[in-house]
Protein backbone atom coordinates (compact mmCIF):
# COMPACT_ATOMS: atom_id res chain seq x y z
CA MET A 1 -59.75 -9.46 103.25
CA HIS A 2 -59.88 -13.25 103.65
CA GLY A 3 -61.91 -13.70 106.82
CA PHE A 4 -59.76 -12.28 109.63
CA VAL A 5 -56.71 -12.25 107.38
CA THR A 6 -55.47 -9.20 105.49
CA VAL A 7 -53.38 -9.91 102.39
CA THR A 8 -51.66 -7.04 100.57
CA LEU A 9 -49.87 -7.51 97.25
CA HIS A 10 -46.95 -5.24 96.38
CA LYS A 11 -45.24 -5.04 93.00
CA GLY A 12 -41.43 -5.05 92.97
CA ASP A 13 -40.67 -4.23 96.61
CA LEU A 14 -42.08 -3.58 100.06
CA PRO A 15 -43.48 -0.09 100.68
CA GLU A 16 -41.70 2.26 103.03
CA GLY A 17 -42.55 2.22 106.71
CA LEU A 18 -43.60 -1.41 107.22
CA ASP A 19 -42.50 -2.80 110.58
CA PHE A 20 -42.51 -6.57 111.03
CA GLY A 21 -41.13 -6.48 114.58
CA ASP A 22 -38.23 -8.62 115.75
CA ALA A 23 -39.33 -11.75 113.82
CA VAL A 24 -40.83 -11.98 110.33
CA ALA A 25 -42.24 -15.13 108.72
CA VAL A 26 -40.99 -15.57 105.16
CA ASP A 27 -41.80 -17.89 102.26
CA THR A 28 -41.12 -17.84 98.52
CA GLU A 29 -42.89 -19.03 95.40
CA THR A 30 -40.84 -19.93 92.34
CA MET A 31 -41.45 -21.38 88.89
CA GLY A 32 -40.19 -24.77 90.09
CA LEU A 33 -37.79 -26.54 92.42
CA LYS A 34 -34.49 -26.01 90.54
CA THR A 35 -33.25 -22.67 91.83
CA PRO A 36 -30.94 -21.48 89.02
CA ARG A 37 -33.50 -22.50 86.39
CA ASP A 38 -36.79 -21.64 88.07
CA ARG A 39 -37.04 -17.95 88.85
CA LEU A 40 -38.21 -16.34 92.07
CA CYS A 41 -41.71 -14.91 91.57
CA LEU A 42 -43.11 -14.03 94.99
CA VAL A 43 -41.89 -13.41 98.54
CA GLN A 44 -44.46 -13.63 101.33
CA LEU A 45 -44.01 -11.99 104.73
CA SER A 46 -46.00 -11.82 107.96
CA SER A 47 -45.45 -10.47 111.46
CA GLY A 48 -47.75 -13.18 112.80
CA ASN A 49 -50.71 -10.88 113.48
CA GLY A 50 -53.08 -12.12 110.78
CA THR A 51 -51.67 -9.91 108.03
CA ALA A 52 -49.53 -10.96 105.08
CA HIS A 53 -47.57 -8.84 102.62
CA LEU A 54 -46.72 -10.39 99.26
CA VAL A 55 -43.97 -8.96 97.05
CA GLN A 56 -44.41 -9.93 93.40
CA LEU A 57 -41.17 -9.84 91.39
CA ALA A 58 -41.18 -9.44 87.62
CA GLN A 59 -38.86 -11.61 85.57
CA GLY A 60 -35.30 -10.32 85.80
CA VAL A 61 -36.27 -7.35 88.01
CA TYR A 62 -34.85 -7.95 91.46
CA GLU A 63 -33.79 -4.54 92.81
CA ALA A 64 -36.23 -4.59 95.79
CA PRO A 65 -33.97 -2.58 98.15
CA ARG A 66 -36.36 -2.59 101.13
CA LEU A 67 -37.03 -6.33 100.84
CA LYS A 68 -33.30 -7.04 100.58
CA ALA A 69 -32.55 -4.86 103.61
CA LEU A 70 -35.10 -6.76 105.68
CA MET A 71 -33.74 -10.14 104.61
CA ALA A 72 -30.20 -9.14 105.59
CA ASP A 73 -31.16 -7.25 108.79
CA PRO A 74 -29.24 -8.92 111.65
CA LYS A 75 -31.81 -7.63 114.19
CA THR A 76 -34.80 -9.34 112.54
CA LEU A 77 -35.20 -13.10 112.84
CA LYS A 78 -36.53 -14.67 109.65
CA LEU A 79 -38.89 -17.63 110.20
CA PHE A 80 -39.18 -20.22 107.42
CA HIS A 81 -40.55 -23.68 106.86
CA PHE A 82 -37.85 -25.60 104.97
CA ALA A 83 -35.56 -22.57 104.98
CA ARG A 84 -32.94 -24.31 102.87
CA PHE A 85 -34.93 -23.87 99.66
CA ASP A 86 -36.05 -20.28 100.31
CA LEU A 87 -32.58 -19.15 101.39
CA ALA A 88 -31.09 -20.45 98.14
CA ALA A 89 -33.73 -18.61 96.07
CA ILE A 90 -33.18 -15.38 98.01
CA GLU A 91 -29.38 -15.67 97.70
CA HIS A 92 -29.48 -16.48 93.99
CA TYR A 93 -32.07 -13.93 92.84
CA LEU A 94 -31.90 -11.12 95.40
CA GLY A 95 -28.17 -11.45 96.01
CA VAL A 96 -28.38 -11.30 99.80
CA THR A 97 -27.53 -13.80 102.50
CA CYS A 98 -30.59 -14.04 104.71
CA GLY A 99 -30.14 -14.17 108.46
CA PRO A 100 -30.60 -14.79 111.29
CA VAL A 101 -32.83 -17.76 110.47
CA TYR A 102 -35.30 -20.10 112.20
CA CYS A 103 -36.70 -23.14 110.37
CA THR A 104 -39.84 -24.83 111.65
CA LYS A 105 -39.06 -27.96 109.64
CA ILE A 106 -35.63 -28.37 111.26
CA ALA A 107 -37.18 -27.60 114.66
CA SER A 108 -39.85 -30.23 114.05
CA ARG A 109 -37.30 -32.87 113.04
CA LEU A 110 -35.32 -32.21 116.22
CA CYS A 111 -38.22 -32.44 118.67
CA ARG A 112 -41.04 -34.40 116.96
CA THR A 113 -38.99 -37.58 116.63
CA TYR A 114 -42.13 -39.70 117.10
CA THR A 115 -43.24 -39.00 113.52
CA ASP A 116 -41.82 -38.65 110.02
CA ARG A 117 -44.48 -36.09 109.04
CA HIS A 118 -42.82 -32.68 109.15
CA GLY A 119 -44.66 -30.79 106.39
CA LEU A 120 -46.21 -27.42 107.16
CA LYS A 121 -49.70 -28.87 106.72
CA ASP A 122 -48.88 -31.67 109.20
CA LEU A 123 -47.45 -29.24 111.75
CA CYS A 124 -50.39 -26.84 111.55
CA ARG A 125 -52.88 -29.68 111.95
CA GLU A 126 -51.19 -31.38 114.92
CA ILE A 127 -49.77 -28.41 116.81
CA LEU A 128 -52.27 -25.64 116.04
CA GLY A 129 -55.41 -27.55 115.01
CA ILE A 130 -55.47 -25.67 111.69
CA ASP A 131 -56.09 -27.32 108.31
CA LEU A 132 -54.16 -25.68 105.48
CA SER A 133 -55.25 -26.03 101.87
CA LYS A 134 -52.49 -27.01 99.46
CA GLN A 135 -54.61 -26.72 96.30
CA GLN A 136 -52.53 -23.94 94.75
CA GLN A 137 -49.16 -25.54 95.55
CA SER A 138 -48.60 -26.27 91.87
CA SER A 139 -49.65 -23.20 89.93
CA ASP A 140 -48.17 -20.57 87.63
CA TRP A 141 -46.52 -18.14 90.01
CA GLY A 142 -44.96 -16.31 87.07
CA ALA A 143 -48.33 -15.02 85.88
CA GLU A 144 -48.56 -11.24 85.69
CA ASP A 145 -51.87 -11.26 87.56
CA LEU A 146 -52.21 -13.69 90.45
CA THR A 147 -55.63 -15.07 91.32
CA GLU A 148 -57.27 -14.58 94.70
CA ASP A 149 -56.81 -18.31 95.36
CA GLN A 150 -53.08 -17.96 94.67
CA THR A 151 -52.63 -14.98 96.99
CA ARG A 152 -54.68 -16.69 99.72
CA TYR A 153 -52.56 -19.83 99.41
CA ALA A 154 -49.31 -17.85 99.40
CA ALA A 155 -50.36 -15.96 102.53
CA SER A 156 -51.31 -19.16 104.37
CA ASP A 157 -47.69 -20.33 104.24
CA VAL A 158 -46.50 -17.50 106.51
CA LEU A 159 -49.47 -16.71 108.75
CA HIS A 160 -48.83 -19.49 111.28
CA LEU A 161 -45.03 -19.69 111.53
CA HIS A 162 -44.82 -17.49 114.64
CA ALA A 163 -47.30 -19.70 116.51
CA LEU A 164 -45.50 -22.84 115.34
CA ARG A 165 -42.15 -21.47 116.47
CA ALA A 166 -43.51 -20.78 119.96
CA ARG A 167 -44.84 -24.32 120.37
CA LEU A 168 -41.80 -26.00 118.80
CA ASP A 169 -39.46 -23.97 121.01
CA GLU A 170 -41.27 -25.34 124.07
CA MET A 171 -40.71 -28.90 122.81
CA ILE A 172 -37.06 -28.25 121.86
CA ASP A 173 -36.34 -26.85 125.33
CA ARG A 174 -38.19 -29.72 127.00
CA GLU A 175 -36.01 -32.22 125.11
CA GLY A 176 -32.79 -30.29 125.80
CA ARG A 177 -31.95 -29.62 122.15
CA ARG A 178 -31.79 -25.80 122.07
CA ASP A 179 -28.04 -25.58 121.36
CA LEU A 180 -28.32 -28.19 118.60
CA ALA A 181 -31.25 -26.34 117.01
CA GLN A 182 -29.43 -23.00 117.10
CA ALA A 183 -26.37 -24.53 115.46
CA CYS A 184 -28.53 -26.05 112.70
CA PHE A 185 -30.28 -22.73 112.06
CA ALA A 186 -26.94 -20.89 111.89
CA PHE A 187 -25.66 -23.40 109.31
CA LEU A 188 -28.68 -23.10 106.99
CA PRO A 189 -27.37 -20.18 104.88
CA THR A 190 -24.20 -22.22 104.26
CA ARG A 191 -26.27 -25.29 103.38
CA ALA A 192 -28.15 -23.17 100.83
CA ARG A 193 -24.87 -21.92 99.36
CA LEU A 194 -23.66 -25.52 99.04
CA ASP A 195 -26.84 -26.27 97.08
CA LEU A 196 -26.18 -23.36 94.74
CA ALA A 197 -22.50 -24.27 94.37
CA GLY A 198 -23.22 -27.78 93.12
CA TRP A 199 -23.64 -29.98 96.21
CA PRO A 200 -27.45 -30.23 96.45
CA GLU A 201 -27.64 -33.97 97.13
CA GLU A 202 -24.15 -34.96 98.25
CA ASP A 203 -23.48 -35.10 101.99
CA ILE A 204 -19.95 -33.71 102.21
CA PHE A 205 -19.77 -34.84 105.85
CA SER A 206 -20.30 -38.50 105.03
CA HIS A 207 -17.41 -41.00 104.91
CA THR A 208 -18.08 -42.16 101.34
């Protein structure tokens, strides 16, 4: 227990019988920011009720059938912050295309046009009045035994995405950008595949 938060660590896959409802918050931790080089180590999930489930993946062991089924389940919305990175990691290492998808960073960019601060920490502070610690952002996620600080940090990245989505949706609807947001979310798995296929920086829609 971390205060009112329950964090459960699972090795290799989710246990049977877990129900995350119709929307599950998802995040990943990797060995670095280059997806083909830096392996997927941890997948964090939350139904938004103050509990987080962390799936630790050993190097080269990515069977995880229950986790894969959840990621690909068309009836369960997956909530991310900066989905583009996580979707590429999930596609590359778990071999599944994740969807449907909602990204709080894309949502923020579409409705919070009065600022250029769209990080998860910024969103939680402004919209929810919550201060997130980023102390463990750079740490060894490939370690066999994760520290309590690491698991607490990993859980914090998914605990608030449901609340953020609710508030951002209100702003998106107020500004009349729902259709645009939905189209962006639908494109994200393709954007991740473009990253993996060799177009991580190039804007293929640009004139030059």
